[in-house]
Structures are given as structure tokens and as C-alpha cells.
Amino acid sequence: MSDLNRGIMKFDGADNPKSIAISAVIVLGSIAALVFWALQSAYALG
């Protein structure tokens, strides 16, 4: 069992590169959306 198949990721295929890529896109997209929202509300951008 790999380290990615433990803890919060307790499902079969948690160490699958496809599921890792999907998770990374979701996390990085959420961070980008929060940064964009923060810049929009802090400064008058457009």
C-alpha cells in the first residue's frame, strides 16, 4: 500500500495519477479563485 492510500485518502485508486491530477486541479483552481476574489474585493480591478 502506498502512502497516498492512507489517512484521508482511504479508497482504492487514491494513488492513481488520474485522481491525483483531478485533485490537484481542484485545489489549485480553488486557490486561484480565492486569490482572484480577494484581489477583486480589495482593489477596484476593472
PDB file of N, CA and C in Angstrom:
ATOM      1  N   MET A   1       0.844  -1.179   0.000  1.00  0.00           N
ATOM      2  CA  MET A   1       0.000   0.000   0.000  1.00  0.00           C
ATOM      3  C   MET A   1       0.883   1.235   0.000  1.00  0.00           C
ATOM      4  N   SER A   2       0.578   2.168  -0.865  1.00  0.00           N
ATOM      5  CA  SER A   2       1.389   3.379  -0.928  1.00  0.00           C
ATOM      6  C   SER A   2       0.946   4.366   0.151  1.00  0.00           C
ATOM      7  N   ASP A   3       1.746   5.401   0.357  1.00  0.00           N
ATOM      8  CA  ASP A   3       1.432   6.401   1.364  1.00  0.00           C
ATOM      9  C   ASP A   3       0.210   7.223   0.996  1.00  0.00           C
ATOM     10  N   LEU A   4      -0.112   7.310  -0.301  1.00  0.00           N
ATOM     11  CA  LEU A   4      -1.268   8.099  -0.718  1.00  0.00           C
ATOM     12  C   LEU A   4      -2.584   7.382  -0.454  1.00  0.00           C
ATOM     13  N   ASN A   5      -2.528   6.109  -0.106  1.00  0.00           N
ATOM     14  CA  ASN A   5      -3.743   5.327   0.125  1.00  0.00           C
ATOM     15  C   ASN A   5      -4.036   5.227   1.622  1.00  0.00           C
ATOM     16  N   ARG A   6      -3.598   6.192   2.402  1.00  0.00           N
ATOM     17  CA  ARG A   6      -3.805   6.182   3.849  1.00  0.00           C
ATOM     18  C   ARG A   6      -4.443   7.486   4.285  1.00  0.00           C
ATOM     19  N   GLY A   7      -4.856   7.535   5.513  1.00  0.00           N
ATOM     20  CA  GLY A   7      -5.388   8.764   6.084  1.00  0.00           C
ATOM     21  C   GLY A   7      -6.690   9.176   5.437  1.00  0.00           C
ATOM     22  N   ILE A   8      -6.744  10.402   4.942  1.00  0.00           N
ATOM     23  CA  ILE A   8      -7.979  10.941   4.381  1.00  0.00           C
ATOM     24  C   ILE A   8      -8.300  10.312   3.022  1.00  0.00           C
ATOM     25  N   MET A   9      -7.300   9.751   2.356  1.00  0.00           N
ATOM     26  CA  MET A   9      -7.500   9.177   1.023  1.00  0.00           C
ATOM     27  C   MET A   9      -7.698   7.666   1.110  1.00  0.00           C
ATOM     28  N   LYS A  10      -8.634   7.219   1.940  1.00  0.00           N
ATOM     29  CA  LYS A  10      -8.839   5.781   2.135  1.00  0.00           C
ATOM     30  C   LYS A  10      -9.831   5.230   1.123  1.00  0.00           C
ATOM     31  N   PHE A  11      -9.434   5.159  -0.126  1.00  0.00           N
ATOM     32  CA  PHE A  11     -10.245   4.482  -1.123  1.00  0.00           C
ATOM     33  C   PHE A  11      -9.318   3.874  -2.160  1.00  0.00           C
ATOM     34  N   ASP A  12      -9.801   2.849  -2.810  1.00  0.00           N
ATOM     35  CA  ASP A  12      -8.973   2.179  -3.818  1.00  0.00           C
ATOM     36  C   ASP A  12      -8.707   3.126  -4.979  1.00  0.00           C
ATOM     37  N   GLY A  13      -7.488   3.177  -5.410  1.00  0.00           N
ATOM     38  CA  GLY A  13      -7.111   4.043  -6.511  1.00  0.00           C
ATOM     39  C   GLY A  13      -6.768   5.454  -6.077  1.00  0.00           C
ATOM     40  N   ALA A  14      -6.551   5.679  -4.800  1.00  0.00           N
ATOM     41  CA  ALA A  14      -6.194   7.021  -4.322  1.00  0.00           C
ATOM     42  C   ALA A  14      -4.824   7.433  -4.833  1.00  0.00           C
ATOM     43  N   ASP A  15      -3.990   6.455  -5.148  1.00  0.00           N
ATOM     44  CA  ASP A  15      -2.661   6.774  -5.666  1.00  0.00           C
ATOM     45  C   ASP A  15      -2.618   6.712  -7.191  1.00  0.00           C
ATOM     46  N   ASN A  16      -3.784   6.682  -7.816  1.00  0.00           N
ATOM     47  CA  ASN A  16      -3.888   6.689  -9.266  1.00  0.00           C
ATOM     48  C   ASN A  16      -3.491   8.078  -9.782  1.00  0.00           C
ATOM     49  N   PRO A  17      -2.621   8.181 -10.777  1.00  0.00           N
ATOM     50  CA  PRO A  17      -2.212   9.502 -11.281  1.00  0.00           C
ATOM     51  C   PRO A  17      -3.385  10.351 -11.772  1.00  0.00           C
ATOM     52  N   LYS A  18      -4.420   9.712 -12.294  1.00  0.00           N
ATOM     53  CA  LYS A  18      -5.583  10.462 -12.771  1.00  0.00           C
ATOM     54  C   LYS A  18      -6.310  11.138 -11.605  1.00  0.00           C
ATOM     55  N   SER A  19      -6.504  10.436 -10.498  1.00  0.00           N
ATOM     56  CA  SER A  19      -7.184  11.032  -9.351  1.00  0.00           C
ATOM     57  C   SER A  19      -6.313  12.102  -8.688  1.00  0.00           C
ATOM     58  N   ILE A  20      -5.005  11.912  -8.716  1.00  0.00           N
ATOM     59  CA  ILE A  20      -4.103  12.931  -8.167  1.00  0.00           C
ATOM     60  C   ILE A  20      -4.167  14.197  -9.016  1.00  0.00           C
ATOM     61  N   ALA A  21      -4.214  14.047 -10.332  1.00  0.00           N
ATOM     62  CA  ALA A  21      -4.297  15.208 -11.222  1.00  0.00           C
ATOM     63  C   ALA A  21      -5.618  15.949 -11.032  1.00  0.00           C
ATOM     64  N   ILE A  22      -6.711  15.223 -10.892  1.00  0.00           N
ATOM     65  CA  ILE A  22      -8.013  15.858 -10.679  1.00  0.00           C
ATOM     66  C   ILE A  22      -8.020  16.614  -9.359  1.00  0.00           C
ATOM     67  N   SER A  23      -7.486  16.013  -8.317  1.00  0.00           N
ATOM     68  CA  SER A  23      -7.419  16.675  -7.010  1.00  0.00           C
ATOM     69  C   SER A  23      -6.554  17.927  -7.079  1.00  0.00           C
ATOM     70  N   ALA A  24      -5.432  17.840  -7.772  1.00  0.00           N
ATOM     71  CA  ALA A  24      -4.544  19.000  -7.886  1.00  0.00           C
ATOM     72  C   ALA A  24      -5.218  20.138  -8.631  1.00  0.00           C
ATOM     73  N   VAL A  25      -5.962  19.823  -9.697  1.00  0.00           N
ATOM     74  CA  VAL A  25      -6.664  20.860 -10.457  1.00  0.00           C
ATOM     75  C   VAL A  25      -7.733  21.517  -9.595  1.00  0.00           C
ATOM     76  N   ILE A  26      -8.452  20.720  -8.816  1.00  0.00           N
ATOM     77  CA  ILE A  26      -9.492  21.276  -7.941  1.00  0.00           C
ATOM     78  C   ILE A  26      -8.882  22.184  -6.883  1.00  0.00           C
ATOM     79  N   VAL A  27      -7.817  21.726  -6.240  1.00  0.00           N
ATOM     80  CA  VAL A  27      -7.193  22.513  -5.172  1.00  0.00           C
ATOM     81  C   VAL A  27      -6.577  23.791  -5.728  1.00  0.00           C
ATOM     82  N   LEU A  28      -5.803  23.685  -6.811  1.00  0.00           N
ATOM     83  CA  LEU A  28      -5.163  24.870  -7.375  1.00  0.00           C
ATOM     84  C   LEU A  28      -6.180  25.835  -7.978  1.00  0.00           C
ATOM     85  N   GLY A  29      -7.237  25.303  -8.560  1.00  0.00           N
ATOM     86  CA  GLY A  29      -8.302  26.161  -9.080  1.00  0.00           C
ATOM     87  C   GLY A  29      -9.017  26.911  -7.973  1.00  0.00           C
ATOM     88  N   SER A  30      -9.239  26.245  -6.846  1.00  0.00           N
ATOM     89  CA  SER A  30      -9.877  26.908  -5.708  1.00  0.00           C
ATOM     90  C   SER A  30      -8.993  28.014  -5.151  1.00  0.00           C
ATOM     91  N   ILE A  31      -7.705  27.744  -5.064  1.00  0.00           N
ATOM     92  CA  ILE A  31      -6.768  28.765  -4.572  1.00  0.00           C
ATOM     93  C   ILE A  31      -6.748  29.960  -5.526  1.00  0.00           C
ATOM     94  N   ALA A  32      -6.712  29.689  -6.829  1.00  0.00           N
ATOM     95  CA  ALA A  32      -6.703  30.776  -7.810  1.00  0.00           C
ATOM     96  C   ALA A  32      -7.990  31.590  -7.724  1.00  0.00           C
ATOM     97  N   ALA A  33      -9.127  30.920  -7.548  1.00  0.00           N
ATOM     98  CA  ALA A  33     -10.402  31.640  -7.431  1.00  0.00           C
ATOM     99  C   ALA A  33     -10.428  32.497  -6.176  1.00  0.00           C
ATOM    100  N   LEU A  34      -9.898  32.000  -5.078  1.00  0.00           N
ATOM    101  CA  LEU A  34      -9.864  32.789  -3.842  1.00  0.00           C
ATOM    102  C   LEU A  34      -8.941  33.992  -3.971  1.00  0.00           C
ATOM    103  N   VAL A  35      -7.797  33.824  -4.616  1.00  0.00           N
ATOM    104  CA  VAL A  35      -6.878  34.948  -4.819  1.00  0.00           C
ATOM    105  C   VAL A  35      -7.532  35.987  -5.721  1.00  0.00           C
ATOM    106  N   PHE A  36      -8.175  35.546  -6.794  1.00  0.00           N
ATOM    107  CA  PHE A  36      -8.860  36.469  -7.700  1.00  0.00           C
ATOM    108  C   PHE A  36      -9.971  37.221  -6.971  1.00  0.00           C
ATOM    109  N   TRP A  37     -10.763  36.500  -6.184  1.00  0.00           N
ATOM    110  CA  TRP A  37     -11.843  37.134  -5.427  1.00  0.00           C
ATOM    111  C   TRP A  37     -11.285  38.146  -4.422  1.00  0.00           C
ATOM    112  N   ALA A  38     -10.174  37.792  -3.757  1.00  0.00           N
ATOM    113  CA  ALA A  38      -9.565  38.695  -2.784  1.00  0.00           C
ATOM    114  C   ALA A  38      -9.061  39.966  -3.465  1.00  0.00           C
ATOM    115  N   LEU A  39      -8.438  39.814  -4.629  1.00  0.00           N
ATOM    116  CA  LEU A  39      -7.960  40.993  -5.358  1.00  0.00           C
ATOM    117  C   LEU A  39      -9.129  41.847  -5.850  1.00  0.00           C
ATOM    118  N   GLN A  40     -10.207  41.204  -6.278  1.00  0.00           N
ATOM    119  CA  GLN A  40     -11.386  41.941  -6.731  1.00  0.00           C
ATOM    120  C   GLN A  40     -11.999  42.744  -5.596  1.00  0.00           C
ATOM    121  N   SER A  41     -12.075  42.161  -4.418  1.00  0.00           N
ATOM    122  CA  SER A  41     -12.732  42.862  -3.320  1.00  0.00           C
ATOM    123  C   SER A  41     -11.794  43.859  -2.631  1.00  0.00           C
ATOM    124  N   ALA A  42     -10.492  43.674  -2.739  1.00  0.00           N
ATOM    125  CA  ALA A  42      -9.562  44.592  -2.091  1.00  0.00           C
ATOM    126  C   ALA A  42      -9.270  45.808  -2.961  1.00  0.00           C
ATOM    127  N   TYR A  43      -9.231  45.606  -4.278  1.00  0.00           N
ATOM    128  CA  TYR A  43      -8.877  46.679  -5.201  1.00  0.00           C
ATOM    129  C   TYR A  43      -9.954  46.774  -6.274  1.00  0.00           C
ATOM    130  N   ALA A  44     -10.108  47.954  -6.818  1.00  0.00           N
ATOM    131  CA  ALA A  44     -11.067  48.145  -7.901  1.00  0.00           C
ATOM    132  C   ALA A  44     -10.408  47.743  -9.217  1.00  0.00           C
ATOM    133  N   LEU A  45     -10.482  46.471  -9.536  1.00  0.00           N
ATOM    134  CA  LEU A  45      -9.900  45.967 -10.780  1.00  0.00           C
ATOM    135  C   LEU A  45     -10.997  45.861 -11.830  1.00  0.00           C
ATOM    136  N   GLY A  46     -11.019  46.744 -12.740  1.00  0.00           N
ATOM    137  CA  GLY A  46     -11.981  46.684 -13.835  1.00  0.00           C
ATOM    138  C   GLY A  46     -13.368  46.949 -13.385  1.00  0.00           C
TER     139      GLY A  46
END
